[in-house]
């Protein structure tokens, strides 16, 4: 964690004392949020600040209603009085939205990454922007009493399976949803009366897994998500999300894996998401739709030769793409979410061996293949991070109404 001084802040042109205090409050609250709580001693060690400064910052966060202190859980064999734990406030929450071709999911996520409520609304057909807005409004209105009584909302985050302008939140294109140049965030903000932020779903999922899931602590990782909408990707390089000039980096689903394949909606032939797809799996399983738990069970118990052939075929094409990503980015870990995690569960050995053989040098041998731990919570937790960003940047400003509502 970078430590700022009054000198560096003054060099940036800010009021040194106020800016330094704001930075330190942000740093402490962010640590508490991403750790779901930690001790004063741990905060002192990780920040390099002295104990009295940590005490003052924690006291201010408690006064602002952002945190509270409590006794940690008992640890057998521990000697001496434990340091008090500092926890994120259970009264601060974000609303998260994840639209897809077959469902619209809305969640209520507490500071610290806890999913308080998750509601999935299955759709009979691909939802339009208007239908998505109406469905989200109806779900949030149904929770409005609980929200107003128990929570302060930091904002609304939307995980979109497509390209999103990171400046104004417009959805430039979500091909599987049929959305193009849509003012989704401004429309949702008007009907929900909360600030709304949007981002690419796979990129947000990569962030969520790196903060709360299988990739916690990993500085370099590739995340691949498979859903009914196709395959998306997110990259964490050197501990920071790789966004690209306009925020569109990570369109890994359009990596070419089969020159003799079918034409993708993007116009090319043999993209990863045309060869590795949930619809193909459901078709051979004879299922109209399935959540991840159902898919895991169906793949795990099936002995149908047609199903086994399709699973192996998809794993082989997936290994081609992963090998390319390993060669390009040299990640410590590749995390697979959605139905790709189901493929990993039933074909880990085959996938790992293929990646190892196809990657340059020892890179394939070193890379870890992991399934996303957050599972069905993944997109909701990732979307919530968008909504929490302003609060984490300026906790006092949020309470005083400079940000949020």
Protein backbone atom coordinates (compact mmCIF):
# COMPACT_ATOMS: atom_id res chain seq x y z
CA UNK A 1 0.00 0.00 0.00
CA UNK A 2 1.46 3.38 -1.03
CA UNK A 3 1.88 5.81 1.83
CA UNK A 4 1.33 9.49 1.03
CA UNK A 5 2.91 12.37 2.87
CA UNK A 6 1.97 16.04 3.13
CA UNK A 7 4.83 16.78 0.76
CA UNK A 8 3.52 14.55 -2.02
CA UNK A 9 -0.02 15.81 -1.55
CA UNK A 10 1.10 19.44 -1.65
CA UNK A 11 2.96 18.65 -4.83
CA UNK A 12 -0.36 17.54 -6.27
CA UNK A 13 -1.84 20.93 -5.48
CA UNK A 14 -4.20 19.84 -2.69
CA UNK A 15 -4.68 21.17 0.83
CA UNK A 16 -2.18 18.89 2.53
CA UNK A 17 -3.85 18.16 5.88
CA UNK A 18 -7.35 17.65 4.48
CA UNK A 19 -6.11 15.64 1.48
CA UNK A 20 -3.87 13.44 3.63
CA UNK A 21 -6.70 12.75 6.07
CA UNK A 22 -9.06 11.92 3.21
CA UNK A 23 -6.50 9.58 1.65
CA UNK A 24 -5.85 7.79 4.93
CA UNK A 25 -9.55 7.39 5.68
CA UNK A 26 -10.04 5.97 2.19
CA UNK A 27 -7.10 3.60 2.63
CA UNK A 28 -8.33 2.27 5.98
CA UNK A 29 -11.96 1.84 4.90
CA UNK A 30 -10.88 0.10 1.68
CA UNK A 31 -8.76 -2.36 3.65
CA UNK A 32 -11.63 -3.07 6.05
CA UNK A 33 -14.04 -3.52 3.15
CA UNK A 34 -11.84 -5.89 1.18
CA UNK A 35 -10.87 -7.90 4.28
CA UNK A 36 -14.43 -7.91 5.68
CA UNK A 37 -12.78 -6.62 8.83
CA UNK A 38 -9.28 -6.60 10.32
CA UNK A 39 -7.58 -5.62 13.59
CA UNK A 40 -6.01 -2.29 14.44
CA UNK A 41 -2.69 -4.10 14.70
CA UNK A 42 -3.09 -5.41 11.14
CA UNK A 43 -4.01 -1.94 9.87
CA UNK A 44 -0.92 -0.52 11.56
CA UNK A 45 1.31 -3.17 10.01
CA UNK A 46 -0.13 -2.88 6.49
CA UNK A 47 -0.22 0.92 6.29
CA UNK A 48 2.97 1.84 8.13
CA UNK A 49 1.04 4.46 10.10
CA UNK A 50 1.55 4.67 13.85
CA UNK A 51 -0.97 3.28 16.33
CA UNK A 52 -2.30 6.64 17.45
CA UNK A 53 -3.01 7.67 13.86
CA UNK A 54 -4.79 4.36 13.20
CA UNK A 55 -6.84 4.85 16.38
CA UNK A 56 -7.89 8.33 15.27
CA UNK A 57 -8.81 7.18 11.76
CA UNK A 58 -10.82 4.21 13.03
CA UNK A 59 -12.61 6.46 15.52
CA UNK A 60 -13.56 8.83 12.70
CA UNK A 61 -14.87 5.99 10.53
CA UNK A 62 -16.94 4.74 13.48
CA UNK A 63 -18.30 8.25 14.02
CA UNK A 64 -19.16 8.52 10.32
CA UNK A 65 -21.10 5.24 10.56
CA UNK A 66 -18.75 3.48 8.14
CA UNK A 67 -17.29 0.97 10.63
CA UNK A 68 -17.64 -0.53 14.09
CA UNK A 69 -15.31 -2.34 16.45
CA UNK A 70 -15.86 -5.72 18.06
CA UNK A 71 -14.14 -8.69 19.60
CA UNK A 72 -12.63 -11.16 17.11
CA UNK A 73 -13.60 -14.81 17.08
CA UNK A 74 -11.78 -16.95 19.64
CA UNK A 75 -8.70 -18.69 18.27
CA UNK A 76 -7.67 -21.87 20.17
CA UNK A 77 -4.24 -21.60 21.69
CA UNK A 78 -3.94 -17.82 21.40
CA UNK A 79 -2.20 -16.16 24.35
CA UNK A 80 -2.92 -12.60 25.53
CA UNK A 81 -5.71 -10.18 24.83
CA UNK A 82 -6.56 -10.00 21.11
CA UNK A 83 -6.64 -6.71 19.23
CA UNK A 84 -10.11 -5.35 18.54
CA UNK A 85 -11.40 -6.06 15.05
CA UNK A 86 -12.63 -3.20 12.88
CA UNK A 87 -15.58 -4.25 10.70
CA UNK A 88 -17.36 -2.48 7.84
CA UNK A 89 -20.74 -1.08 8.84
CA UNK A 90 -23.68 -3.43 8.14
CA UNK A 91 -25.80 -0.34 7.44
CA UNK A 92 -23.98 0.57 4.20
CA UNK A 93 -25.00 -1.32 1.07
CA UNK A 94 -25.10 -1.19 -2.72
CA UNK A 95 -27.64 -2.39 -5.23
CA UNK A 96 -26.19 -4.60 -7.97
CA UNK A 97 -27.76 -5.52 -11.31
CA UNK A 98 -26.76 -8.25 -13.77
CA UNK A 99 -28.83 -8.49 -16.99
CA UNK A 100 -28.41 -11.52 -19.23
CA UNK A 101 -30.22 -13.13 -22.15
CA UNK A 102 -32.31 -15.39 -19.92
CA UNK A 103 -32.61 -13.51 -16.63
CA UNK A 104 -32.19 -10.23 -14.77
CA UNK A 105 -30.55 -10.56 -11.36
CA UNK A 106 -30.70 -7.85 -8.70
CA UNK A 107 -28.77 -8.01 -5.45
CA UNK A 108 -28.28 -6.06 -2.26
CA UNK A 109 -24.62 -6.19 -1.22
CA UNK A 110 -23.25 -4.94 2.09
CA UNK A 111 -19.96 -3.18 2.62
CA UNK A 112 -17.47 -6.01 3.00
CA UNK A 113 -18.84 -7.93 0.02
CA UNK A 114 -21.65 -9.80 1.79
CA UNK A 115 -24.61 -10.57 -0.47
CA UNK A 116 -27.62 -9.72 1.68
CA UNK A 117 -30.28 -10.40 -0.90
CA UNK A 118 -30.21 -11.88 -4.41
CA UNK A 119 -33.27 -12.03 -6.65
CA UNK A 120 -33.21 -13.67 -10.09
CA UNK A 121 -36.02 -12.80 -12.49
CA UNK A 122 -36.16 -15.32 -15.34
CA UNK A 123 -37.22 -13.85 -18.66
CA UNK A 124 -39.16 -15.63 -21.40
CA UNK A 125 -37.04 -13.89 -24.04
CA UNK A 126 -34.04 -11.60 -24.29
CA UNK A 127 -34.97 -8.46 -22.33
CA UNK A 128 -34.87 -5.02 -23.96
CA UNK A 129 -33.37 -2.06 -22.14
CA UNK A 130 -36.87 -0.83 -21.27
CA UNK A 131 -37.90 -4.24 -19.95
CA UNK A 132 -34.70 -4.46 -17.92
CA UNK A 133 -35.29 -1.05 -16.36
CA UNK A 134 -38.89 -1.93 -15.51
CA UNK A 135 -37.90 -5.28 -13.98
CA UNK A 136 -35.11 -3.74 -11.89
CA UNK A 137 -37.43 -0.97 -10.69
CA UNK A 138 -40.08 -3.50 -9.65
CA UNK A 139 -37.54 -5.61 -7.73
CA UNK A 140 -35.97 -2.60 -6.00
CA UNK A 141 -39.41 -1.19 -5.15
CA UNK A 142 -40.19 -4.53 -3.53
CA UNK A 143 -37.10 -4.12 -1.33
CA UNK A 144 -37.59 -0.39 -0.75
CA UNK A 145 -39.11 -0.78 2.73
CA UNK A 146 -36.25 -2.97 3.92
CA UNK A 147 -33.70 -0.64 2.35
CA UNK A 148 -35.12 2.56 3.83
CA UNK A 149 -35.37 1.02 7.28
CA UNK A 150 -31.98 -0.69 7.46
CA UNK A 151 -29.49 0.65 4.90
CA UNK A 152 -27.87 3.64 3.33
CA UNK A 153 -27.31 2.95 -0.36
CA UNK A 154 -23.94 3.89 -1.87
CA UNK A 155 -25.32 3.54 -5.40
CA UNK A 156 -26.23 1.02 -8.06
CA UNK A 157 -23.72 -1.00 -10.09
CA UNK A 158 -24.64 -2.76 -13.34
CA UNK A 159 -22.59 -5.63 -14.83
CA UNK A 160 -23.27 -5.51 -18.58
CA UNK A 161 -22.29 -8.34 -20.97
CA UNK A 162 -20.89 -5.92 -23.52
CA UNK A 163 -18.89 -2.74 -24.09
CA UNK A 164 -19.60 0.15 -21.73
CA UNK A 165 -18.28 3.70 -21.95
CA UNK A 166 -16.48 4.11 -18.62
CA UNK A 167 -16.96 7.89 -18.69
CA UNK A 168 -20.74 8.26 -19.03
CA UNK A 169 -21.90 4.67 -18.47
CA UNK A 170 -23.56 4.30 -21.88
CA UNK A 171 -23.81 0.77 -23.22
CA UNK A 172 -22.13 0.98 -26.61
CA UNK A 173 -22.96 -2.56 -27.62
CA UNK A 174 -24.16 -5.69 -25.82
CA UNK A 175 -24.46 -8.00 -28.84
CA UNK A 176 -26.19 -10.97 -27.23
CA UNK A 177 -28.76 -8.68 -25.64
CA UNK A 178 -29.23 -6.73 -28.87
CA UNK A 179 -28.45 -3.44 -27.08
CA UNK A 180 -26.62 -0.67 -28.90
CA UNK A 181 -25.84 2.89 -27.79
CA UNK A 182 -28.18 2.75 -24.78
CA UNK A 183 -28.41 5.30 -21.97
CA UNK A 184 -28.97 2.56 -19.40
CA UNK A 185 -27.40 4.24 -16.38
CA UNK A 186 -29.16 7.58 -16.72
CA UNK A 187 -32.52 5.86 -17.23
CA UNK A 188 -32.04 3.62 -14.20
CA UNK A 189 -30.86 6.55 -12.09
CA UNK A 190 -34.01 8.46 -12.92
CA UNK A 191 -36.41 5.67 -11.91
CA UNK A 192 -34.44 4.33 -8.91
CA UNK A 193 -33.36 7.72 -7.53
CA UNK A 194 -29.86 6.44 -6.83
CA UNK A 195 -26.60 7.10 -8.71
CA UNK A 196 -25.96 4.31 -11.22
CA UNK A 197 -22.65 3.06 -12.66
CA UNK A 198 -22.06 0.40 -15.31
CA UNK A 199 -19.12 -1.73 -16.44
CA UNK A 200 -18.28 -4.86 -18.40
CA UNK A 201 -19.45 -7.95 -16.51
CA UNK A 202 -16.33 -10.09 -16.95
CA UNK A 203 -14.00 -7.25 -15.96
CA UNK A 204 -16.04 -6.66 -12.82
CA UNK A 205 -16.02 -10.39 -12.09
CA UNK A 206 -12.22 -10.44 -12.36
CA UNK A 207 -12.04 -7.65 -9.79
CA UNK A 208 -14.48 -9.43 -7.48
CA UNK A 209 -12.53 -12.70 -7.59
CA UNK A 210 -9.25 -10.87 -6.96
CA UNK A 211 -10.71 -9.14 -3.91
CA UNK A 212 -13.01 -11.73 -2.37
CA UNK A 213 -12.58 -15.05 -4.18
CA UNK A 214 -10.16 -17.64 -5.52
CA UNK A 215 -7.65 -15.05 -6.76
CA UNK A 216 -7.44 -13.01 -3.55
CA UNK A 217 -3.92 -11.63 -3.35
CA UNK A 218 -2.99 -12.58 -6.93
CA UNK A 219 -1.37 -9.67 -8.78
CA UNK A 220 -1.53 -11.18 -12.26
CA UNK A 221 -4.52 -13.18 -13.40
CA UNK A 222 -6.77 -13.92 -16.35
CA UNK A 223 -10.47 -14.33 -15.65
CA UNK A 224 -12.80 -16.03 -18.12
CA UNK A 225 -16.55 -16.07 -17.61
CA UNK A 226 -19.00 -18.26 -19.48
CA UNK A 227 -22.70 -17.46 -19.45
CA UNK A 228 -25.74 -17.69 -21.67
CA UNK A 229 -24.47 -14.45 -23.27
CA UNK A 230 -21.18 -15.96 -24.34
CA UNK A 231 -17.64 -15.69 -22.98
CA UNK A 232 -16.07 -12.56 -21.57
CA UNK A 233 -12.74 -11.90 -19.95
CA UNK A 234 -11.05 -9.69 -17.42
CA UNK A 235 -7.36 -9.08 -16.77
CA UNK A 236 -5.55 -8.06 -13.59
CA UNK A 237 -1.94 -7.14 -14.37
CA UNK A 238 0.43 -5.98 -11.65
CA UNK A 239 -2.49 -5.75 -9.23
CA UNK A 240 -4.53 -3.38 -11.41
CA UNK A 241 -7.34 -4.08 -13.87
CA UNK A 242 -6.22 -3.82 -17.50
CA UNK A 243 -8.84 -1.56 -19.04
CA UNK A 244 -7.36 -0.27 -22.31
CA UNK A 245 -7.68 3.23 -23.75
CA UNK A 246 -11.48 3.28 -23.69
CA UNK A 247 -12.09 0.59 -21.07
CA UNK A 248 -12.75 -2.21 -23.55
CA UNK A 249 -9.77 -4.49 -22.89
CA UNK A 250 -10.60 -8.12 -22.16
CA UNK A 251 -12.79 -9.19 -25.10
CA UNK A 252 -11.22 -12.63 -24.76
CA UNK A 253 -14.29 -14.48 -26.00
CA UNK A 254 -13.35 -13.48 -29.54
CA UNK A 255 -9.98 -15.18 -29.48
CA UNK A 256 -9.71 -17.43 -32.57
CA UNK A 257 -9.50 -21.13 -31.72
CA UNK A 258 -10.86 -22.93 -34.79
CA UNK A 259 -10.22 -21.79 -38.36
CA UNK A 260 -12.77 -24.34 -39.56
CA UNK A 261 -15.44 -23.24 -37.12
CA UNK A 262 -18.69 -21.32 -37.48
CA UNK A 263 -19.07 -17.61 -38.08
CA UNK A 264 -19.39 -15.50 -34.94
CA UNK A 265 -21.70 -12.48 -34.63
CA UNK A 266 -18.52 -10.35 -34.69
CA UNK A 267 -17.95 -11.48 -38.29
CA UNK A 268 -14.97 -13.77 -37.72
CA UNK A 269 -14.87 -17.56 -37.92
CA UNK A 270 -14.01 -19.84 -35.01
CA UNK A 271 -14.15 -17.48 -32.00
CA UNK A 272 -13.82 -19.08 -28.57
CA UNK A 273 -17.41 -18.33 -27.64
CA UNK A 274 -18.79 -20.02 -30.76
CA UNK A 275 -16.90 -23.25 -29.98
CA UNK A 276 -17.27 -23.23 -26.21
CA UNK A 277 -20.84 -22.37 -25.29
CA UNK A 278 -23.47 -23.07 -22.69
CA UNK A 279 -26.15 -23.56 -25.33
CA UNK A 280 -24.18 -26.45 -26.87
CA UNK A 281 -23.87 -28.11 -23.46
CA UNK A 282 -27.56 -27.69 -22.67
CA UNK A 283 -28.48 -29.08 -26.08
CA UNK A 284 -26.61 -32.37 -25.60
CA UNK A 285 -27.86 -32.61 -22.02
CA UNK A 286 -31.44 -32.10 -23.21
CA UNK A 287 -32.00 -29.18 -20.81
CA UNK A 288 -33.83 -25.96 -21.79
CA UNK A 289 -31.87 -24.02 -19.15
CA UNK A 290 -29.90 -24.68 -15.97
CA UNK A 291 -28.25 -22.75 -13.18
CA UNK A 292 -24.66 -23.62 -12.25
CA UNK A 293 -25.62 -26.11 -9.55
CA UNK A 294 -27.92 -27.97 -11.94
CA UNK A 295 -25.27 -27.92 -14.66
CA UNK A 296 -22.63 -29.30 -12.29
CA UNK A 297 -24.90 -32.19 -11.35
CA UNK A 298 -25.95 -32.92 -14.94
CA UNK A 299 -22.35 -32.99 -16.20
CA UNK A 300 -21.11 -34.92 -13.20
CA UNK A 301 -23.60 -37.79 -13.48
CA UNK A 302 -23.95 -38.06 -17.25
CA UNK A 303 -22.40 -41.09 -18.94
CA UNK A 304 -23.92 -40.30 -22.32
CA UNK A 305 -21.14 -40.63 -24.96
CA UNK A 306 -22.53 -37.60 -26.82
CA UNK A 307 -22.28 -35.46 -23.68
CA UNK A 308 -18.76 -36.68 -22.92
CA UNK A 309 -17.61 -35.96 -26.49
CA UNK A 310 -19.01 -32.43 -26.36
CA UNK A 311 -17.41 -31.75 -22.97
CA UNK A 312 -14.02 -32.95 -24.19
CA UNK A 313 -14.37 -30.97 -27.43
CA UNK A 314 -15.10 -27.77 -25.52
CA UNK A 315 -12.27 -28.38 -23.05
CA UNK A 316 -9.82 -28.82 -25.93
CA UNK A 317 -10.82 -25.53 -27.57
CA UNK A 318 -10.79 -23.80 -24.18
CA UNK A 319 -7.22 -25.02 -23.64
CA UNK A 320 -6.16 -23.42 -26.94
CA UNK A 321 -7.42 -20.03 -25.78
CA UNK A 322 -6.00 -20.33 -22.26
CA UNK A 323 -2.59 -21.30 -23.68
CA UNK A 324 -2.63 -18.12 -25.79
CA UNK A 325 -3.49 -16.03 -22.72
CA UNK A 326 -0.71 -17.66 -20.70
CA UNK A 327 1.76 -16.91 -23.47
CA UNK A 328 0.60 -13.30 -23.75
CA UNK A 329 0.17 -12.29 -20.10
CA UNK A 330 2.19 -14.81 -18.03
CA UNK A 331 -0.44 -14.85 -15.25
CA UNK A 332 -0.07 -16.58 -11.92
CA UNK A 333 -3.62 -17.84 -12.20
CA UNK A 334 -6.44 -18.39 -14.67
CA UNK A 335 -9.86 -18.26 -13.00
CA UNK A 336 -12.87 -19.79 -14.74
CA UNK A 337 -16.39 -18.65 -13.89
CA UNK A 338 -19.90 -19.56 -14.98
CA UNK A 339 -20.24 -22.73 -17.05
CA UNK A 340 -16.48 -22.68 -17.71
CA UNK A 341 -16.07 -23.52 -14.03
CA UNK A 342 -18.34 -26.51 -14.57
CA UNK A 343 -16.11 -27.67 -17.44
CA UNK A 344 -13.06 -27.32 -15.19
CA UNK A 345 -14.74 -29.42 -12.49
CA UNK A 346 -15.34 -32.38 -14.82
CA UNK A 347 -12.20 -32.07 -16.96
CA UNK A 348 -9.48 -30.45 -14.85
CA UNK A 349 -6.80 -33.01 -15.65
CA UNK A 350 -7.37 -32.87 -19.41
CA UNK A 351 -7.47 -29.07 -19.43
CA UNK A 352 -4.38 -28.64 -17.25
CA UNK A 353 -2.38 -31.09 -19.35
CA UNK A 354 -3.36 -29.41 -22.62
CA UNK A 355 -2.48 -25.94 -21.30
CA UNK A 356 0.86 -27.21 -19.98
CA UNK A 357 1.79 -28.78 -23.32
CA UNK A 358 0.73 -25.82 -25.45
CA UNK A 359 2.22 -22.98 -23.39
CA UNK A 360 5.70 -21.67 -24.09
CA UNK A 361 8.52 -22.88 -21.85
CA UNK A 362 7.53 -23.45 -18.24
CA UNK A 363 4.67 -20.94 -18.23
CA UNK A 364 2.00 -23.57 -18.66
CA UNK A 365 3.44 -25.66 -15.83
CA UNK A 366 3.41 -22.72 -13.42
CA UNK A 367 -0.04 -21.30 -14.06
CA UNK A 368 -2.84 -22.24 -11.65
CA UNK A 369 -6.29 -23.11 -13.00
CA UNK A 370 -8.99 -22.27 -10.47
CA UNK A 371 -12.75 -22.16 -10.42
CA UNK A 372 -14.36 -18.87 -9.36
CA UNK A 373 -15.30 -19.16 -5.69
CA UNK A 374 -18.07 -16.57 -5.66
CA UNK A 375 -20.14 -18.66 -8.07
CA UNK A 376 -23.67 -17.24 -8.42
CA UNK A 377 -22.69 -14.17 -6.34
CA UNK A 378 -19.85 -13.20 -8.67
CA UNK A 379 -21.50 -10.62 -10.95
CA UNK A 380 -23.45 -9.10 -8.07
CA UNK A 381 -20.35 -8.60 -5.92
CA UNK A 382 -18.41 -7.22 -8.91
CA UNK A 383 -21.17 -4.77 -9.83
CA UNK A 384 -21.38 -3.59 -6.22
CA UNK A 385 -17.71 -2.56 -6.34
CA UNK A 386 -18.67 0.07 -8.91
CA UNK A 387 -21.24 1.51 -6.53
CA UNK A 388 -18.87 1.46 -3.54
CA UNK A 389 -16.02 3.23 -5.39
CA UNK A 390 -17.06 6.79 -4.56
CA UNK A 391 -17.75 5.99 -0.92
CA UNK A 392 -14.40 4.24 -0.51
CA UNK A 393 -12.61 7.18 -2.15
CA UNK A 394 -14.15 9.77 0.21
CA UNK A 395 -16.02 8.30 3.22
CA UNK A 396 -16.59 11.67 4.87
CA UNK A 397 -17.81 13.19 1.59
CA UNK A 398 -20.36 10.38 1.23
CA UNK A 399 -21.77 11.02 4.71
CA UNK A 400 -21.91 14.76 4.12
CA UNK A 401 -23.77 14.32 0.88
CA UNK A 402 -21.02 15.33 -1.51
CA UNK A 403 -21.35 11.94 -3.18
CA UNK A 404 -24.08 9.32 -3.15
CA UNK A 405 -27.59 10.14 -1.97
